[in-house]
Amino acid sequence: MNCARCLKKECYNGKDCLEIEGEIKNLYNDHEIEVMKIAASIEARYYMEKTRIEEIILFSQMMNYERIGLAFCVGLEKEAREIYSIFKQHFKVYSACCKICGTDKADFDLEQIDPNRYESMCNPLGQASVLNEKNTDLNIIIGLCIGHDLLFTQHSKAPVTTLAVKDRVLAHNPLGAIYSRYYLNKIHENKFKEPEPKDHE
């Protein structure tokens, strides 16, 4: 089973390739069906009309959410401030920066970008803990690093959606790599290798 390699996508027209439709349908409880109904209504009513920010606002209103949490990267603080001001018009909004608590990377023996200066570690568990205390109904990720987003999602009590994905090279637009034939040629020609650790001595 590898849908990414399938060129037909007959499921789009109702084909059940694995013959497990009944089994999978039974996995949905009443709450999950309600989420699916609201998601479908937004897609049907506003197809190609609303931005992701607008869709999150509509979804949250239809779900009767009142308290929204923003878990953001300090590198996107300007964007987070603007997003906060937009959501503040509709909800109670709480936010947690990735550097919350100011914990030294050295406390967990984490590799530094520049070993000659103090570096606070990103703190996804701290962000989740703070927003959990606020009893948020929905938490929104804004540019958390790979790995940190996983831990935040794992420890968040509220459901989590992602508004922005961290990609420092492509202006936080990771699909830009897929749309560039030059980059695709480069990445396919040069097999990806794990970089050697930096020698700071």
C-alpha atoms as a PDB file:
ATOM      1  CA  MET A   1       0.000   0.000   0.000  1.00  0.00           C
ATOM      2  CA  ASN A   2       1.607   3.238  -1.138  1.00  0.00           C
ATOM      3  CA  CYS A   3      -0.872   5.924  -2.131  1.00  0.00           C
ATOM      4  CA  ALA A   4       1.898   8.403  -2.974  1.00  0.00           C
ATOM      5  CA  ARG A   5       2.918   6.228  -5.922  1.00  0.00           C
ATOM      6  CA  CYS A   6      -0.608   5.564  -7.202  1.00  0.00           C
ATOM      7  CA  LEU A   7      -1.406   7.427 -10.416  1.00  0.00           C
ATOM      8  CA  LYS A   8      -5.120   6.551 -10.577  1.00  0.00           C
ATOM      9  CA  LYS A   9      -6.510   7.633  -7.195  1.00  0.00           C
ATOM     10  CA  GLU A  10      -9.717   5.712  -7.861  1.00  0.00           C
ATOM     11  CA  CYS A  11     -10.661   6.222  -4.211  1.00  0.00           C
ATOM     12  CA  TYR A  12     -11.603   9.748  -5.300  1.00  0.00           C
ATOM     13  CA  ASN A  13     -14.527   8.165  -7.137  1.00  0.00           C
ATOM     14  CA  GLY A  14     -15.438   5.648  -4.448  1.00  0.00           C
ATOM     15  CA  LYS A  15     -13.130   2.659  -4.891  1.00  0.00           C
ATOM     16  CA  ASP A  16     -12.139   0.901  -1.640  1.00  0.00           C
ATOM     17  CA  CYS A  17      -8.746  -0.528  -2.612  1.00  0.00           C
ATOM     18  CA  LEU A  18      -8.165  -2.266   0.722  1.00  0.00           C
ATOM     19  CA  GLU A  19     -11.782  -3.274   1.325  1.00  0.00           C
ATOM     20  CA  ILE A  20     -11.709  -1.861   4.847  1.00  0.00           C
ATOM     21  CA  GLU A  21     -14.242   0.959   4.521  1.00  0.00           C
ATOM     22  CA  GLY A  22     -16.699  -0.511   7.033  1.00  0.00           C
ATOM     23  CA  GLU A  23     -13.970  -1.141   9.580  1.00  0.00           C
ATOM     24  CA  ILE A  24     -12.587   2.377   9.251  1.00  0.00           C
ATOM     25  CA  LYS A  25     -16.013   4.044   9.391  1.00  0.00           C
ATOM     26  CA  ASN A  26     -16.581   2.384  12.769  1.00  0.00           C
ATOM     27  CA  LEU A  27     -13.532   4.207  14.145  1.00  0.00           C
ATOM     28  CA  TYR A  28     -15.361   7.550  14.047  1.00  0.00           C
ATOM     29  CA  ASN A  29     -17.191   8.509  17.237  1.00  0.00           C
ATOM     30  CA  ASP A  30     -19.845  11.242  17.511  1.00  0.00           C
ATOM     31  CA  HIS A  31     -17.313  13.977  18.287  1.00  0.00           C
ATOM     32  CA  GLU A  32     -15.103  13.050  15.356  1.00  0.00           C
ATOM     33  CA  ILE A  33     -18.100  12.953  13.011  1.00  0.00           C
ATOM     34  CA  GLU A  34     -19.052  16.448  14.187  1.00  0.00           C
ATOM     35  CA  VAL A  35     -15.513  17.665  13.428  1.00  0.00           C
ATOM     36  CA  MET A  36     -15.750  16.089   9.974  1.00  0.00           C
ATOM     37  CA  LYS A  37     -19.107  17.765   9.337  1.00  0.00           C
ATOM     38  CA  ILE A  38     -17.781  21.195  10.225  1.00  0.00           C
ATOM     39  CA  ALA A  39     -14.612  20.690   8.179  1.00  0.00           C
ATOM     40  CA  ALA A  40     -16.701  19.575   5.193  1.00  0.00           C
ATOM     41  CA  SER A  41     -19.052  22.543   5.496  1.00  0.00           C
ATOM     42  CA  ILE A  42     -16.140  24.994   5.426  1.00  0.00           C
ATOM     43  CA  GLU A  43     -14.661  23.265   2.390  1.00  0.00           C
ATOM     44  CA  ALA A  44     -18.000  23.198   0.557  1.00  0.00           C
ATOM     45  CA  ARG A  45     -19.079  26.760   1.358  1.00  0.00           C
ATOM     46  CA  TYR A  46     -15.743  28.573   1.024  1.00  0.00           C
ATOM     47  CA  TYR A  47     -13.781  26.476  -1.485  1.00  0.00           C
ATOM     48  CA  MET A  48     -10.813  28.555  -2.719  1.00  0.00           C
ATOM     49  CA  GLU A  49     -12.237  31.653  -1.015  1.00  0.00           C
ATOM     50  CA  LYS A  50     -10.821  31.675   2.511  1.00  0.00           C
ATOM     51  CA  THR A  51      -7.237  31.781   3.742  1.00  0.00           C
ATOM     52  CA  ARG A  52      -6.029  29.275   6.307  1.00  0.00           C
ATOM     53  CA  ILE A  53      -6.339  31.918   9.034  1.00  0.00           C
ATOM     54  CA  GLU A  54      -9.962  32.570   8.049  1.00  0.00           C
ATOM     55  CA  GLU A  55     -10.674  28.843   7.939  1.00  0.00           C
ATOM     56  CA  ILE A  56      -9.290  28.346  11.450  1.00  0.00           C
ATOM     57  CA  ILE A  57     -11.466  31.194  12.725  1.00  0.00           C
ATOM     58  CA  LEU A  58     -14.579  29.765  11.047  1.00  0.00           C
ATOM     59  CA  PHE A  59     -13.833  26.245  12.266  1.00  0.00           C
ATOM     60  CA  SER A  60     -13.240  27.439  15.832  1.00  0.00           C
ATOM     61  CA  GLN A  61     -16.455  29.444  15.865  1.00  0.00           C
ATOM     62  CA  MET A  62     -18.479  26.518  14.531  1.00  0.00           C
ATOM     63  CA  MET A  63     -16.881  24.247  17.143  1.00  0.00           C
ATOM     64  CA  ASN A  64     -17.814  26.800  19.833  1.00  0.00           C
ATOM     65  CA  TYR A  65     -14.184  27.235  20.833  1.00  0.00           C
ATOM     66  CA  GLU A  66     -13.522  30.242  23.045  1.00  0.00           C
ATOM     67  CA  ARG A  67      -9.880  29.917  24.103  1.00  0.00           C
ATOM     68  CA  ILE A  68      -7.139  29.745  21.464  1.00  0.00           C
ATOM     69  CA  GLY A  69      -3.471  29.068  22.164  1.00  0.00           C
ATOM     70  CA  LEU A  70      -0.556  30.124  19.961  1.00  0.00           C
ATOM     71  CA  ALA A  71       2.698  28.170  20.222  1.00  0.00           C
ATOM     72  CA  PHE A  72       5.191  30.171  18.197  1.00  0.00           C
ATOM     73  CA  CYS A  73       8.870  30.307  17.304  1.00  0.00           C
ATOM     74  CA  VAL A  74      10.738  33.369  18.519  1.00  0.00           C
ATOM     75  CA  GLY A  75      11.970  33.788  14.939  1.00  0.00           C
ATOM     76  CA  LEU A  76       8.367  34.481  13.910  1.00  0.00           C
ATOM     77  CA  GLU A  77       7.503  36.838  16.746  1.00  0.00           C
ATOM     78  CA  LYS A  78       6.404  39.590  14.359  1.00  0.00           C
ATOM     79  CA  GLU A  79       4.071  37.213  12.552  1.00  0.00           C
ATOM     80  CA  ALA A  80       2.804  35.815  15.857  1.00  0.00           C
ATOM     81  CA  ARG A  81       1.975  39.312  17.092  1.00  0.00           C
ATOM     82  CA  GLU A  82      -0.099  39.997  13.977  1.00  0.00           C
ATOM     83  CA  ILE A  83      -1.834  36.612  14.179  1.00  0.00           C
ATOM     84  CA  TYR A  84      -2.585  37.274  17.859  1.00  0.00           C
ATOM     85  CA  SER A  85      -4.237  40.588  16.989  1.00  0.00           C
ATOM     86  CA  ILE A  86      -6.428  38.892  14.371  1.00  0.00           C
ATOM     87  CA  PHE A  87      -7.594  36.041  16.597  1.00  0.00           C
ATOM     88  CA  LYS A  88      -8.044  38.417  19.544  1.00  0.00           C
ATOM     89  CA  GLN A  89     -10.992  39.932  17.685  1.00  0.00           C
ATOM     90  CA  HIS A  90     -12.874  36.643  18.000  1.00  0.00           C
ATOM     91  CA  PHE A  91     -11.484  34.651  20.942  1.00  0.00           C
ATOM     92  CA  LYS A  92      -9.570  34.739  24.190  1.00  0.00           C
ATOM     93  CA  VAL A  93      -6.024  34.182  22.987  1.00  0.00           C
ATOM     94  CA  TYR A  94      -2.993  32.920  24.914  1.00  0.00           C
ATOM     95  CA  SER A  95       0.504  32.610  23.490  1.00  0.00           C
ATOM     96  CA  ALA A  96       3.734  30.855  24.410  1.00  0.00           C
ATOM     97  CA  CYS A  97       7.115  31.582  22.834  1.00  0.00           C
ATOM     98  CA  CYS A  98       9.457  28.676  22.098  1.00  0.00           C
ATOM     99  CA  LYS A  99      12.140  30.071  24.434  1.00  0.00           C
ATOM    100  CA  ILE A 100       9.801  30.115  27.435  1.00  0.00           C
ATOM    101  CA  CYS A 101      11.695  29.585  30.733  1.00  0.00           C
ATOM    102  CA  GLY A 102      15.036  30.540  29.135  1.00  0.00           C
ATOM    103  CA  THR A 103      16.505  27.103  29.833  1.00  0.00           C
ATOM    104  CA  ASP A 104      20.170  26.703  28.879  1.00  0.00           C
ATOM    105  CA  LYS A 105      20.852  24.204  26.083  1.00  0.00           C
ATOM    106  CA  ALA A 106      23.754  22.977  28.161  1.00  0.00           C
ATOM    107  CA  ASP A 107      21.329  21.678  30.808  1.00  0.00           C
ATOM    108  CA  PHE A 108      20.363  18.890  28.385  1.00  0.00           C
ATOM    109  CA  ASP A 109      23.680  18.727  26.540  1.00  0.00           C
ATOM    110  CA  LEU A 110      22.101  20.090  23.351  1.00  0.00           C
ATOM    111  CA  GLU A 111      24.247  21.118  20.399  1.00  0.00           C
ATOM    112  CA  GLN A 112      24.507  24.881  19.967  1.00  0.00           C
ATOM    113  CA  ILE A 113      24.498  27.026  16.833  1.00  0.00           C
ATOM    114  CA  ASP A 114      27.249  29.170  18.342  1.00  0.00           C
ATOM    115  CA  PRO A 115      29.048  27.637  21.328  1.00  0.00           C
ATOM    116  CA  ASN A 116      30.602  31.001  22.185  1.00  0.00           C
ATOM    117  CA  ARG A 117      27.369  32.518  23.428  1.00  0.00           C
ATOM    118  CA  TYR A 118      24.472  31.589  25.688  1.00  0.00           C
ATOM    119  CA  GLU A 119      21.649  29.797  23.884  1.00  0.00           C
ATOM    120  CA  SER A 120      18.257  29.101  25.395  1.00  0.00           C
ATOM    121  CA  MET A 121      16.748  25.846  24.211  1.00  0.00           C
ATOM    122  CA  CYS A 122      13.367  25.631  22.532  1.00  0.00           C
ATOM    123  CA  ASN A 123      10.870  24.384  25.098  1.00  0.00           C
ATOM    124  CA  PRO A 124       7.854  22.640  23.531  1.00  0.00           C
ATOM    125  CA  LEU A 125       6.877  20.953  26.796  1.00  0.00           C
ATOM    126  CA  GLY A 126       6.957  24.335  28.489  1.00  0.00           C
ATOM    127  CA  GLN A 127       4.730  25.803  25.787  1.00  0.00           C
ATOM    128  CA  ALA A 128       2.274  22.922  26.088  1.00  0.00           C
ATOM    129  CA  SER A 129       2.237  23.137  29.879  1.00  0.00           C
ATOM    130  CA  VAL A 130       1.471  26.867  29.897  1.00  0.00           C
ATOM    131  CA  LEU A 131      -1.316  26.547  27.339  1.00  0.00           C
ATOM    132  CA  ASN A 132      -2.709  23.471  29.100  1.00  0.00           C
ATOM    133  CA  GLU A 133      -3.032  25.557  32.255  1.00  0.00           C
ATOM    134  CA  LYS A 134      -5.114  28.062  30.289  1.00  0.00           C
ATOM    135  CA  ASN A 135      -7.509  25.268  29.234  1.00  0.00           C
ATOM    136  CA  THR A 136      -7.301  26.245  25.594  1.00  0.00           C
ATOM    137  CA  ASP A 137      -9.817  24.696  23.211  1.00  0.00           C
ATOM    138  CA  LEU A 138      -7.421  24.723  20.265  1.00  0.00           C
ATOM    139  CA  ASN A 139      -3.672  25.293  19.970  1.00  0.00           C
ATOM    140  CA  ILE A 140      -2.045  26.657  16.817  1.00  0.00           C
ATOM    141  CA  ILE A 141       1.572  26.005  15.862  1.00  0.00           C
ATOM    142  CA  ILE A 142       3.401  28.929  14.269  1.00  0.00           C
ATOM    143  CA  GLY A 143       6.805  27.863  12.966  1.00  0.00           C
ATOM    144  CA  LEU A 144       8.022  25.426  15.598  1.00  0.00           C
ATOM    145  CA  CYS A 145      11.149  23.478  14.626  1.00  0.00           C
ATOM    146  CA  ILE A 146      10.919  19.905  13.427  1.00  0.00           C
ATOM    147  CA  GLY A 147      10.870  17.677  16.497  1.00  0.00           C
ATOM    148  CA  HIS A 148       9.701  20.463  18.766  1.00  0.00           C
ATOM    149  CA  ASP A 149       6.366  20.473  16.926  1.00  0.00           C
ATOM    150  CA  LEU A 150       6.071  16.738  17.575  1.00  0.00           C
ATOM    151  CA  LEU A 151       6.657  17.126  21.300  1.00  0.00           C
ATOM    152  CA  PHE A 152       4.300  20.089  21.576  1.00  0.00           C
ATOM    153  CA  THR A 153       1.526  18.182  19.808  1.00  0.00           C
ATOM    154  CA  GLN A 154       2.154  15.114  21.959  1.00  0.00           C
ATOM    155  CA  HIS A 155       1.880  17.052  25.226  1.00  0.00           C
ATOM    156  CA  SER A 156      -0.909  19.484  24.309  1.00  0.00           C
ATOM    157  CA  LYS A 157      -4.225  18.595  25.933  1.00  0.00           C
ATOM    158  CA  ALA A 158      -6.103  20.617  23.319  1.00  0.00           C
ATOM    159  CA  PRO A 159      -6.202  19.581  19.656  1.00  0.00           C
ATOM    160  CA  VAL A 160      -3.429  21.127  17.581  1.00  0.00           C
ATOM    161  CA  THR A 161      -3.376  22.573  14.074  1.00  0.00           C
ATOM    162  CA  THR A 162      -0.428  24.060  12.197  1.00  0.00           C
ATOM    163  CA  LEU A 163      -0.642  27.498  10.621  1.00  0.00           C
ATOM    164  CA  ALA A 164       3.021  27.878   9.629  1.00  0.00           C
ATOM    165  CA  VAL A 165       5.799  25.326   9.198  1.00  0.00           C
ATOM    166  CA  LYS A 166       9.416  26.246   9.929  1.00  0.00           C
ATOM    167  CA  ASP A 167      11.630  26.386   6.822  1.00  0.00           C
ATOM    168  CA  ARG A 168      14.385  28.969   7.203  1.00  0.00           C
ATOM    169  CA  VAL A 169      15.692  28.408   3.678  1.00  0.00           C
ATOM    170  CA  LEU A 170      12.380  28.791   1.825  1.00  0.00           C
ATOM    171  CA  ALA A 171      10.692  31.595   3.780  1.00  0.00           C
ATOM    172  CA  HIS A 172       8.635  29.006   5.716  1.00  0.00           C
ATOM    173  CA  ASN A 173       7.215  27.551   2.510  1.00  0.00           C
ATOM    174  CA  PRO A 174       8.545  23.959   2.501  1.00  0.00           C
ATOM    175  CA  LEU A 175       6.637  23.013  -0.657  1.00  0.00           C
ATOM    176  CA  GLY A 176       8.796  25.508  -2.515  1.00  0.00           C
ATOM    177  CA  ALA A 177      11.380  22.731  -2.732  1.00  0.00           C
ATOM    178  CA  ILE A 178       8.929  20.508  -4.598  1.00  0.00           C
ATOM    179  CA  TYR A 179       8.013  23.256  -7.054  1.00  0.00           C
ATOM    180  CA  SER A 180      11.646  23.964  -7.980  1.00  0.00           C
ATOM    181  CA  ARG A 181      13.069  21.595 -10.613  1.00  0.00           C
ATOM    182  CA  TYR A 182      16.534  22.967  -9.851  1.00  0.00           C
ATOM    183  CA  TYR A 183      16.251  21.945  -6.210  1.00  0.00           C
ATOM    184  CA  LEU A 184      14.739  18.564  -7.113  1.00  0.00           C
ATOM    185  CA  ASN A 185      17.625  17.871  -9.505  1.00  0.00           C
ATOM    186  CA  LYS A 186      20.064  18.818  -6.775  1.00  0.00           C
ATOM    187  CA  ILE A 187      18.473  16.694  -4.060  1.00  0.00           C
ATOM    188  CA  HIS A 188      18.070  13.645  -6.341  1.00  0.00           C
ATOM    189  CA  GLU A 189      21.596  13.885  -7.703  1.00  0.00           C
ATOM    190  CA  ASN A 190      23.205  14.348  -4.316  1.00  0.00           C
ATOM    191  CA  LYS A 191      21.946  11.606  -2.045  1.00  0.00           C
ATOM    192  CA  PHE A 192      21.070  13.097   1.319  1.00  0.00           C
ATOM    193  CA  LYS A 193      23.691  12.479   3.937  1.00  0.00           C
ATOM    194  CA  GLU A 194      23.534  13.324   7.593  1.00  0.00           C
ATOM    195  CA  PRO A 195      25.859  16.292   8.188  1.00  0.00           C
ATOM    196  CA  GLU A 196      28.933  15.785  10.261  1.00  0.00           C
ATOM    197  CA  PRO A 197      28.852  17.423  13.704  1.00  0.00           C
ATOM    198  CA  LYS A 198      30.398  20.877  13.748  1.00  0.00           C
ATOM    199  CA  ASP A 199      33.964  21.009  14.976  1.00  0.00           C
ATOM    200  CA  HIS A 200      34.049  23.929  17.376  1.00  0.00           C
ATOM    201  CA  GLU A 201      37.585  23.359  18.554  1.00  0.00           C
END
